[in-house]
Amino acid sequence: MFTQKQGGRPMQSGLDAESQFVQGESREEFAALRAGYFDRFHPTTPDQRFQVDNLIRNEWLLRRYHRVEAQLWEYQTTLCDRSTGVELGEAFSRASTIFMRLQRRVSAAEKAYKEAMGELDRLQASSEPQQIKEETVELASFLNSGPEAVSPLRNERPVLGNPEAELTISGVPAAIAVPIQNPGAGAINPNLA
């Protein structure tokens, strides 16, 4: 079974490879699929691992359902009168309830996949180290560059009365934005009027 280290302890996938196969499916393909998902997402908690297992299981089911659909078409067309030239239509007409049932299974697997992906994204985003979030804030402050830059991490205020140094919170020069009122003077900055 594929393992992933968590705090020195191995983290195993909850999927049992032997229970995932039906006749005609490849254990090697399943192992490659599983390894690909664990290499991509690197789950670090049991909750993340559970969601990665859900992604793997639902993708495997979707692959199976696509093979089932192809085999259904093949089987149903062999039961049809080949002299009519409309074997597909006849096959669909005879087996429409089977195809609808298969489509419900495909739709359920697709929905479960999307939900697992969303939950995994949420779990991984909430477990990001604070340091990465602070670096993102610093990178996002590229508009506040230069000697008079406002630091978003330290809440520094611009020097009033110097239009070149006055910046709004969004990093737009004050001359372009709404004039900043000097709280000490009680009037609008004359350099901006």
Protein backbone atom coordinates (compact mmCIF):
# COMPACT_ATOMS: atom_id res chain seq x y z
CA MET A 1 0.00 0.00 0.00
CA PHE A 2 1.18 3.53 -0.79
CA THR A 3 2.34 5.43 2.27
CA GLN A 4 2.92 9.07 3.00
CA LYS A 5 4.90 10.27 6.00
CA GLN A 6 3.10 12.37 8.59
CA GLY A 7 5.15 13.52 11.56
CA GLY A 8 7.50 10.55 11.18
CA ARG A 9 4.64 8.04 10.97
CA PRO A 10 3.70 6.47 7.65
CA MET A 11 0.28 7.51 6.32
CA GLN A 12 -1.41 4.77 4.32
CA SER A 13 -3.95 5.17 1.60
CA GLY A 14 -7.34 3.93 2.68
CA LEU A 15 -7.85 2.22 -0.67
CA ASP A 16 -7.25 -1.51 -0.79
CA ALA A 17 -5.88 -2.28 -4.23
CA GLU A 18 -7.43 -5.76 -4.36
CA SER A 19 -10.96 -4.46 -3.78
CA GLN A 20 -10.79 -1.92 -6.61
CA PHE A 21 -10.62 -4.28 -9.58
CA VAL A 22 -13.02 -6.07 -11.84
CA GLN A 23 -12.08 -8.34 -14.72
CA GLY A 24 -10.10 -6.51 -17.38
CA GLU A 25 -8.74 -3.74 -15.14
CA SER A 26 -5.03 -3.23 -14.59
CA ARG A 27 -3.46 -3.18 -11.12
CA GLU A 28 -0.53 -1.28 -12.59
CA GLU A 29 -2.80 1.46 -13.95
CA PHE A 30 -4.48 1.77 -10.56
CA ALA A 31 -1.10 1.94 -8.78
CA ALA A 32 0.07 4.65 -11.20
CA LEU A 33 -3.17 6.61 -10.70
CA ARG A 34 -2.83 6.39 -6.92
CA ALA A 35 0.85 7.39 -6.96
CA GLY A 36 0.07 10.32 -9.27
CA TYR A 37 -2.56 11.72 -6.90
CA PHE A 38 -0.35 11.34 -3.82
CA ASP A 39 2.59 12.94 -5.66
CA ARG A 40 0.39 15.84 -6.75
CA PHE A 41 -1.40 16.58 -3.48
CA HIS A 42 0.96 15.33 -0.73
CA PRO A 43 -1.76 14.86 1.92
CA THR A 44 -0.43 15.65 5.39
CA THR A 45 -3.51 14.89 7.51
CA PRO A 46 -5.96 11.99 7.64
CA ASP A 47 -8.71 14.32 6.34
CA GLN A 48 -6.61 15.29 3.32
CA ARG A 49 -5.72 11.65 2.69
CA PHE A 50 -9.41 10.73 2.80
CA GLN A 51 -10.21 13.35 0.15
CA VAL A 52 -7.31 12.17 -2.05
CA ASP A 53 -8.65 8.60 -1.71
CA ASN A 54 -12.08 9.90 -2.81
CA LEU A 55 -10.53 11.54 -5.87
CA ILE A 56 -8.72 8.33 -6.80
CA ARG A 57 -11.79 6.13 -6.29
CA ASN A 58 -14.08 8.39 -8.30
CA GLU A 59 -11.65 8.77 -11.18
CA TRP A 60 -11.23 4.98 -11.24
CA LEU A 61 -15.01 4.55 -11.30
CA LEU A 62 -15.36 7.08 -14.11
CA ARG A 63 -12.79 5.20 -16.17
CA ARG A 64 -14.72 1.98 -15.51
CA TYR A 65 -18.05 3.57 -16.45
CA HIS A 66 -16.62 4.78 -19.76
CA ARG A 67 -15.52 1.22 -20.55
CA VAL A 68 -18.96 -0.06 -19.49
CA GLU A 69 -20.66 2.39 -21.82
CA ALA A 70 -18.52 1.29 -24.76
CA GLN A 71 -19.27 -2.35 -24.01
CA LEU A 72 -22.99 -1.62 -23.64
CA TRP A 73 -23.08 -0.02 -27.07
CA GLU A 74 -21.19 -2.96 -28.54
CA TYR A 75 -23.43 -5.54 -26.87
CA GLN A 76 -26.70 -3.77 -27.67
CA THR A 77 -25.78 -3.21 -31.34
CA THR A 78 -25.04 -6.94 -31.76
CA LEU A 79 -28.64 -7.67 -30.73
CA CYS A 80 -30.03 -5.36 -33.44
CA ASP A 81 -31.05 -6.07 -37.00
CA ARG A 82 -27.96 -5.03 -38.97
CA SER A 83 -29.85 -4.70 -42.25
CA THR A 84 -31.64 -1.52 -41.13
CA GLY A 85 -28.50 0.66 -40.88
CA VAL A 86 -29.75 2.23 -37.64
CA GLU A 87 -28.22 -0.12 -35.12
CA LEU A 88 -27.21 2.64 -32.70
CA GLY A 89 -30.70 4.10 -32.60
CA GLU A 90 -32.26 0.70 -32.12
CA ALA A 91 -29.71 -0.18 -29.41
CA PHE A 92 -30.38 3.06 -27.56
CA SER A 93 -34.13 2.61 -27.88
CA ARG A 94 -33.99 -0.90 -26.44
CA ALA A 95 -31.53 -0.10 -23.67
CA SER A 96 -32.35 3.51 -22.82
CA THR A 97 -33.14 2.68 -19.17
CA ILE A 98 -29.76 0.94 -18.85
CA PHE A 99 -27.97 3.95 -20.37
CA MET A 100 -29.89 6.33 -18.08
CA ARG A 101 -28.92 4.26 -15.05
CA LEU A 102 -25.28 4.33 -16.15
CA GLN A 103 -25.47 8.11 -16.67
CA ARG A 104 -26.76 8.55 -13.11
CA ARG A 105 -23.72 6.63 -11.85
CA VAL A 106 -21.37 8.74 -14.00
CA SER A 107 -23.00 11.96 -12.76
CA ALA A 108 -22.77 10.82 -9.12
CA ALA A 109 -19.06 9.98 -9.50
CA GLU A 110 -18.36 13.33 -11.19
CA LYS A 111 -20.18 15.20 -8.44
CA ALA A 112 -18.35 13.28 -5.71
CA TYR A 113 -15.03 14.01 -7.45
CA LYS A 114 -15.75 17.75 -7.60
CA GLU A 115 -16.84 17.83 -3.95
CA ALA A 116 -13.71 15.95 -2.84
CA MET A 117 -11.52 18.33 -4.86
CA GLY A 118 -13.20 21.36 -3.29
CA GLU A 119 -12.86 19.95 0.22
CA LEU A 120 -9.22 19.00 -0.37
CA ASP A 121 -8.49 22.52 -1.66
CA ARG A 122 -10.14 23.98 1.45
CA LEU A 123 -8.24 21.66 3.80
CA GLN A 124 -4.89 22.35 2.17
CA ALA A 125 -5.47 26.11 2.06
CA SER A 126 -6.37 26.18 5.76
CA SER A 127 -3.22 24.26 6.67
CA GLU A 128 -0.80 26.60 4.85
CA PRO A 129 1.85 27.99 7.17
CA GLN A 130 1.35 31.60 8.25
CA GLN A 131 4.76 32.45 6.79
CA ILE A 132 3.51 31.79 3.25
CA LYS A 133 0.49 34.05 3.82
CA GLU A 134 2.76 36.89 5.05
CA GLU A 135 5.02 36.49 2.02
CA THR A 136 1.95 36.76 -0.21
CA VAL A 137 1.00 40.06 1.44
CA GLU A 138 4.51 41.38 0.89
CA LEU A 139 4.46 40.32 -2.77
CA ALA A 140 1.03 41.89 -3.25
CA SER A 141 2.36 45.22 -2.01
CA PHE A 142 4.34 45.84 -5.23
CA LEU A 143 2.34 49.05 -5.77
CA ASN A 144 3.80 50.40 -2.55
CA SER A 145 7.43 50.41 -3.65
CA GLY A 146 9.99 53.12 -3.27
CA PRO A 147 11.33 55.13 -0.34
CA GLU A 148 7.88 56.33 0.80
CA ALA A 149 6.19 52.90 0.58
CA VAL A 150 3.44 52.01 2.98
CA SER A 151 4.03 48.69 4.72
CA PRO A 152 0.81 46.60 4.79
CA LEU A 153 2.27 44.53 7.63
CA ARG A 154 3.09 47.49 9.92
CA ASN A 155 0.09 49.73 9.25
CA GLU A 156 2.26 52.78 8.60
CA ARG A 157 0.42 55.91 7.49
CA PRO A 158 1.62 58.19 4.69
CA VAL A 159 2.99 61.60 5.48
CA LEU A 160 0.24 64.15 4.86
CA GLY A 161 1.08 67.28 2.94
CA ASN A 162 3.50 65.47 0.58
CA PRO A 163 1.43 64.43 -2.47
CA GLU A 164 4.21 62.19 -3.79
CA ALA A 165 4.25 60.16 -0.55
CA GLU A 166 0.51 60.05 0.06
CA LEU A 167 -0.92 56.65 -0.75
CA THR A 168 -4.30 55.23 -0.06
CA ILE A 169 -4.66 51.81 1.52
CA SER A 170 -5.09 50.21 -1.90
CA GLY A 171 -1.75 51.62 -3.08
CA VAL A 172 -3.26 54.18 -5.49
CA PRO A 173 -1.60 57.60 -5.32
CA ALA A 174 -3.74 60.01 -3.35
CA ALA A 175 -3.72 62.54 -6.21
CA ILE A 176 -5.69 60.02 -8.26
CA ALA A 177 -7.90 58.81 -5.41
CA VAL A 178 -10.29 60.72 -3.16
CA PRO A 179 -8.46 63.56 -1.36
CA ILE A 180 -7.30 62.68 2.14
CA GLN A 181 -8.44 65.02 4.84
CA ASN A 182 -5.78 66.06 7.33
CA PRO A 183 -7.35 65.19 10.68
CA GLY A 184 -5.27 67.81 12.50
CA ALA A 185 -6.29 70.75 10.30
CA GLY A 186 -9.87 69.73 9.63
CA ALA A 187 -9.58 70.74 5.95
CA ILE A 188 -8.86 69.03 2.68
CA ASN A 189 -5.21 68.89 1.74
CA PRO A 190 -4.66 71.98 -0.50
CA ASN A 191 -2.02 70.17 -2.58
CA LEU A 192 -4.72 67.76 -3.77
CA ALA A 193 -7.54 70.21 -4.51
